[in-house]
Amino acid sequence: MGERRAWADKKAEIMSRPGGGAAYEAARIRFELGEAVRLRREQLGLTQAELAERTGLKQPAVARFEAGGTMPTIPMLERLAEALEMRLSVQFQPLREAS
C-alpha cells in the first residue's frame, strides 16, 4: 500500500495544474471526508475490512475512500455514518464562515 501523503503536498500538486482552484476544492472535500471516516473507524477499533463488511463495500474501496480517492454520494455517506455509529449531517455555511 502507498505511503500516506500530507495534505500540503497534495494541495501544492493540485494548485500547480491549470484549473487547480476547483480541483483543489473537490480534493479538499474528499480528503476531509476520508480523514473523518478513518479517525472514527480507528476510534471504534475497526479495521478497514470490518468497516467494509458493515457497509457492503470491499476493503480496497474503504482504503481509497479514506485516502481521499473517491467522492462519495449522499447514500454512501449515510451507509458509512450508520456503520460508524454516527448520524450524517449535511449543511450549507456562508463562505466567510466555512474556512
N, C-alpha and C. Protein backbone atom coordinates (compact mmCIF):
# COMPACT_ATOMS: atom_id res chain seq x y z
N MET A 1 0.85 -1.19 0.00
CA MET A 1 0.00 0.00 0.00
C MET A 1 0.89 1.24 0.00
N GLY A 2 0.46 2.29 -0.66
CA GLY A 2 1.24 3.51 -0.77
C GLY A 2 1.32 4.27 0.54
N GLU A 3 2.33 5.12 0.62
CA GLU A 3 2.54 5.93 1.81
C GLU A 3 1.51 7.06 1.84
N ARG A 4 0.99 7.36 3.03
CA ARG A 4 0.02 8.44 3.17
C ARG A 4 0.75 9.77 2.98
N ARG A 5 0.20 10.63 2.13
CA ARG A 5 0.81 11.93 1.85
C ARG A 5 0.12 13.02 2.65
N ALA A 6 0.88 14.03 3.01
CA ALA A 6 0.33 15.17 3.74
C ALA A 6 -0.54 15.99 2.80
N TRP A 7 -1.56 16.62 3.38
CA TRP A 7 -2.47 17.44 2.58
C TRP A 7 -1.72 18.57 1.89
N ALA A 8 -0.74 19.17 2.56
CA ALA A 8 0.01 20.28 1.96
C ALA A 8 0.68 19.84 0.66
N ASP A 9 1.19 18.60 0.62
CA ASP A 9 1.82 18.08 -0.60
C ASP A 9 0.78 17.90 -1.71
N LYS A 10 -0.38 17.34 -1.34
CA LYS A 10 -1.43 17.15 -2.33
C LYS A 10 -1.92 18.51 -2.86
N LYS A 11 -2.08 19.48 -1.96
CA LYS A 11 -2.56 20.80 -2.36
C LYS A 11 -1.58 21.46 -3.35
N ALA A 12 -0.29 21.40 -3.05
CA ALA A 12 0.71 22.02 -3.93
C ALA A 12 0.66 21.38 -5.32
N GLU A 13 0.52 20.06 -5.37
CA GLU A 13 0.45 19.36 -6.66
C GLU A 13 -0.78 19.80 -7.45
N ILE A 14 -1.93 19.87 -6.78
CA ILE A 14 -3.18 20.22 -7.45
C ILE A 14 -3.17 21.67 -7.92
N MET A 15 -2.70 22.58 -7.10
CA MET A 15 -2.73 24.01 -7.44
C MET A 15 -1.76 24.35 -8.56
N SER A 16 -0.78 23.49 -8.83
CA SER A 16 0.17 23.77 -9.90
C SER A 16 -0.42 23.49 -11.28
N ARG A 17 -1.56 22.84 -11.34
CA ARG A 17 -2.20 22.50 -12.62
C ARG A 17 -3.19 23.59 -13.05
N PRO A 18 -3.45 23.69 -14.38
CA PRO A 18 -4.50 24.62 -14.84
C PRO A 18 -5.85 24.20 -14.25
N GLY A 19 -6.65 25.16 -13.83
CA GLY A 19 -7.94 24.86 -13.21
C GLY A 19 -7.79 24.29 -11.81
N GLY A 20 -6.67 24.53 -11.22
CA GLY A 20 -6.35 23.95 -9.93
C GLY A 20 -7.27 24.35 -8.80
N GLY A 21 -7.85 25.54 -8.85
CA GLY A 21 -8.72 26.00 -7.76
C GLY A 21 -9.92 25.11 -7.54
N ALA A 22 -10.64 24.79 -8.61
CA ALA A 22 -11.82 23.92 -8.50
C ALA A 22 -11.41 22.51 -8.13
N ALA A 23 -10.32 22.04 -8.73
CA ALA A 23 -9.83 20.70 -8.40
C ALA A 23 -9.39 20.63 -6.95
N TYR A 24 -8.78 21.71 -6.47
CA TYR A 24 -8.35 21.77 -5.08
C TYR A 24 -9.54 21.62 -4.14
N GLU A 25 -10.60 22.36 -4.41
CA GLU A 25 -11.78 22.31 -3.53
C GLU A 25 -12.38 20.91 -3.49
N ALA A 26 -12.49 20.27 -4.64
CA ALA A 26 -13.02 18.90 -4.68
C ALA A 26 -12.10 17.94 -3.94
N ALA A 27 -10.80 18.09 -4.12
CA ALA A 27 -9.85 17.22 -3.44
C ALA A 27 -9.88 17.45 -1.93
N ARG A 28 -10.03 18.70 -1.53
CA ARG A 28 -10.09 19.02 -0.09
C ARG A 28 -11.28 18.32 0.56
N ILE A 29 -12.42 18.37 -0.10
CA ILE A 29 -13.62 17.73 0.44
C ILE A 29 -13.41 16.23 0.55
N ARG A 30 -12.87 15.61 -0.50
CA ARG A 30 -12.62 14.16 -0.47
C ARG A 30 -11.66 13.81 0.65
N PHE A 31 -10.60 14.60 0.79
CA PHE A 31 -9.59 14.34 1.81
C PHE A 31 -10.18 14.46 3.21
N GLU A 32 -10.96 15.50 3.47
CA GLU A 32 -11.54 15.71 4.79
C GLU A 32 -12.56 14.63 5.14
N LEU A 33 -13.38 14.23 4.17
CA LEU A 33 -14.34 13.16 4.42
C LEU A 33 -13.61 11.85 4.72
N GLY A 34 -12.61 11.54 3.93
CA GLY A 34 -11.85 10.31 4.15
C GLY A 34 -11.16 10.30 5.49
N GLU A 35 -10.59 11.42 5.87
CA GLU A 35 -9.91 11.51 7.17
C GLU A 35 -10.90 11.33 8.32
N ALA A 36 -12.08 11.94 8.20
CA ALA A 36 -13.09 11.82 9.25
C ALA A 36 -13.54 10.36 9.40
N VAL A 37 -13.71 9.67 8.29
CA VAL A 37 -14.11 8.26 8.35
C VAL A 37 -13.00 7.43 8.99
N ARG A 38 -11.75 7.66 8.57
CA ARG A 38 -10.64 6.90 9.14
C ARG A 38 -10.51 7.12 10.64
N LEU A 39 -10.60 8.38 11.08
CA LEU A 39 -10.47 8.67 12.52
C LEU A 39 -11.57 7.99 13.32
N ARG A 40 -12.81 8.05 12.82
CA ARG A 40 -13.93 7.41 13.54
C ARG A 40 -13.77 5.89 13.53
N ARG A 41 -13.35 5.33 12.40
CA ARG A 41 -13.13 3.88 12.32
C ARG A 41 -12.10 3.46 13.35
N GLU A 42 -11.02 4.21 13.45
CA GLU A 42 -9.97 3.90 14.42
C GLU A 42 -10.47 4.06 15.86
N GLN A 43 -11.30 5.08 16.11
CA GLN A 43 -11.90 5.26 17.45
C GLN A 43 -12.68 4.02 17.86
N LEU A 44 -13.40 3.46 16.90
CA LEU A 44 -14.23 2.28 17.18
C LEU A 44 -13.41 0.99 17.20
N GLY A 45 -12.14 1.08 16.84
CA GLY A 45 -11.29 -0.10 16.83
C GLY A 45 -11.59 -1.05 15.68
N LEU A 46 -12.12 -0.51 14.59
CA LEU A 46 -12.45 -1.32 13.42
C LEU A 46 -11.31 -1.34 12.42
N THR A 47 -11.16 -2.44 11.72
CA THR A 47 -10.25 -2.50 10.59
C THR A 47 -11.00 -2.00 9.35
N GLN A 48 -10.27 -1.74 8.29
CA GLN A 48 -10.92 -1.37 7.04
C GLN A 48 -11.81 -2.50 6.55
N ALA A 49 -11.38 -3.74 6.74
CA ALA A 49 -12.18 -4.89 6.31
C ALA A 49 -13.48 -4.97 7.10
N GLU A 50 -13.44 -4.68 8.39
CA GLU A 50 -14.66 -4.71 9.20
C GLU A 50 -15.62 -3.59 8.79
N LEU A 51 -15.08 -2.41 8.52
CA LEU A 51 -15.94 -1.32 8.06
C LEU A 51 -16.54 -1.67 6.69
N ALA A 52 -15.73 -2.27 5.83
CA ALA A 52 -16.22 -2.69 4.53
C ALA A 52 -17.39 -3.66 4.67
N GLU A 53 -17.26 -4.60 5.57
CA GLU A 53 -18.34 -5.58 5.78
C GLU A 53 -19.61 -4.90 6.27
N ARG A 54 -19.45 -3.93 7.18
CA ARG A 54 -20.62 -3.22 7.71
C ARG A 54 -21.34 -2.39 6.64
N THR A 55 -20.60 -1.93 5.64
CA THR A 55 -21.18 -1.06 4.62
C THR A 55 -21.52 -1.78 3.32
N GLY A 56 -21.09 -3.02 3.21
CA GLY A 56 -21.31 -3.75 1.96
C GLY A 56 -20.31 -3.41 0.88
N LEU A 57 -19.19 -2.83 1.28
CA LEU A 57 -18.12 -2.49 0.34
C LEU A 57 -17.01 -3.53 0.42
N LYS A 58 -16.03 -3.40 -0.42
CA LYS A 58 -14.81 -4.19 -0.36
C LYS A 58 -13.75 -3.35 0.36
N GLN A 59 -12.81 -4.01 1.02
CA GLN A 59 -11.76 -3.30 1.77
C GLN A 59 -11.00 -2.29 0.90
N PRO A 60 -10.61 -2.63 -0.34
CA PRO A 60 -9.90 -1.62 -1.15
C PRO A 60 -10.72 -0.35 -1.39
N ALA A 61 -12.04 -0.47 -1.46
CA ALA A 61 -12.90 0.71 -1.65
C ALA A 61 -12.84 1.60 -0.41
N VAL A 62 -12.82 0.98 0.77
CA VAL A 62 -12.69 1.75 2.02
C VAL A 62 -11.34 2.45 2.05
N ALA A 63 -10.29 1.74 1.67
CA ALA A 63 -8.95 2.33 1.66
C ALA A 63 -8.88 3.52 0.72
N ARG A 64 -9.44 3.39 -0.49
CA ARG A 64 -9.46 4.50 -1.45
C ARG A 64 -10.22 5.70 -0.89
N PHE A 65 -11.38 5.41 -0.27
CA PHE A 65 -12.18 6.49 0.30
C PHE A 65 -11.40 7.22 1.39
N GLU A 66 -10.80 6.47 2.30
CA GLU A 66 -10.06 7.08 3.40
C GLU A 66 -8.87 7.91 2.91
N ALA A 67 -8.32 7.55 1.78
CA ALA A 67 -7.18 8.28 1.21
C ALA A 67 -7.63 9.49 0.39
N GLY A 68 -8.94 9.72 0.28
CA GLY A 68 -9.45 10.85 -0.48
C GLY A 68 -9.51 10.59 -1.96
N GLY A 69 -9.53 9.32 -2.35
CA GLY A 69 -9.50 8.96 -3.76
C GLY A 69 -10.84 8.92 -4.45
N THR A 70 -11.94 8.99 -3.70
CA THR A 70 -13.26 8.94 -4.32
C THR A 70 -14.19 9.96 -3.68
N MET A 71 -15.10 10.49 -4.49
CA MET A 71 -16.12 11.42 -3.99
C MET A 71 -17.39 10.61 -3.76
N PRO A 72 -17.83 10.51 -2.52
CA PRO A 72 -18.99 9.67 -2.22
C PRO A 72 -20.31 10.36 -2.55
N THR A 73 -21.32 9.55 -2.73
CA THR A 73 -22.68 10.06 -2.87
C THR A 73 -23.27 10.22 -1.47
N ILE A 74 -24.39 10.93 -1.38
CA ILE A 74 -25.07 11.07 -0.09
C ILE A 74 -25.49 9.69 0.45
N PRO A 75 -26.08 8.81 -0.37
CA PRO A 75 -26.42 7.48 0.15
C PRO A 75 -25.20 6.72 0.69
N MET A 76 -24.04 6.87 0.04
CA MET A 76 -22.84 6.21 0.54
C MET A 76 -22.42 6.80 1.88
N LEU A 77 -22.51 8.11 2.02
CA LEU A 77 -22.18 8.75 3.29
C LEU A 77 -23.14 8.28 4.39
N GLU A 78 -24.41 8.09 4.05
CA GLU A 78 -25.37 7.59 5.03
C GLU A 78 -25.00 6.17 5.47
N ARG A 79 -24.59 5.32 4.53
CA ARG A 79 -24.17 3.95 4.88
C ARG A 79 -22.94 3.98 5.78
N LEU A 80 -21.99 4.84 5.44
CA LEU A 80 -20.78 4.95 6.27
C LEU A 80 -21.12 5.47 7.67
N ALA A 81 -21.98 6.48 7.74
CA ALA A 81 -22.36 7.03 9.04
C ALA A 81 -23.00 5.96 9.91
N GLU A 82 -23.93 5.21 9.35
CA GLU A 82 -24.59 4.16 10.11
C GLU A 82 -23.58 3.11 10.58
N ALA A 83 -22.69 2.70 9.70
CA ALA A 83 -21.67 1.71 10.03
C ALA A 83 -20.72 2.21 11.12
N LEU A 84 -20.53 3.53 11.16
CA LEU A 84 -19.63 4.14 12.15
C LEU A 84 -20.39 4.62 13.39
N GLU A 85 -21.66 4.21 13.48
CA GLU A 85 -22.50 4.56 14.64
C GLU A 85 -22.60 6.07 14.81
N MET A 86 -22.86 6.73 13.67
CA MET A 86 -22.98 8.18 13.65
C MET A 86 -24.24 8.56 12.88
N ARG A 87 -24.58 9.83 12.92
CA ARG A 87 -25.68 10.38 12.13
C ARG A 87 -25.09 11.36 11.15
N LEU A 88 -25.44 11.24 9.89
CA LEU A 88 -24.94 12.15 8.87
C LEU A 88 -25.67 13.48 8.98
N SER A 89 -24.90 14.57 8.93
CA SER A 89 -25.46 15.91 8.96
C SER A 89 -24.81 16.69 7.82
N VAL A 90 -25.61 17.15 6.88
CA VAL A 90 -25.12 17.95 5.75
C VAL A 90 -25.68 19.34 5.92
N GLN A 91 -24.82 20.35 5.78
CA GLN A 91 -25.30 21.72 5.96
C GLN A 91 -24.59 22.66 5.00
N PHE A 92 -25.22 23.79 4.74
CA PHE A 92 -24.62 24.86 3.97
C PHE A 92 -24.15 25.93 4.95
N GLN A 93 -22.98 26.49 4.67
CA GLN A 93 -22.43 27.56 5.50
C GLN A 93 -22.06 28.73 4.61
N PRO A 94 -22.26 29.95 5.10
CA PRO A 94 -21.79 31.10 4.33
C PRO A 94 -20.27 30.99 4.12
N LEU A 95 -19.78 31.42 2.97
CA LEU A 95 -18.36 31.29 2.67
C LEU A 95 -17.46 31.92 3.72
N ARG A 96 -17.86 33.02 4.27
CA ARG A 96 -17.00 33.69 5.24
C ARG A 96 -16.82 32.86 6.51
N GLU A 97 -17.74 31.92 6.79
CA GLU A 97 -17.65 31.08 7.98
C GLU A 97 -17.13 29.68 7.67
N ALA A 98 -17.04 29.33 6.41
CA ALA A 98 -16.73 27.95 6.03
C ALA A 98 -15.26 27.59 6.15
N SER A 99 -14.37 28.54 6.23
CA SER A 99 -12.94 28.21 6.24
C SER A 99 -12.41 27.81 7.57
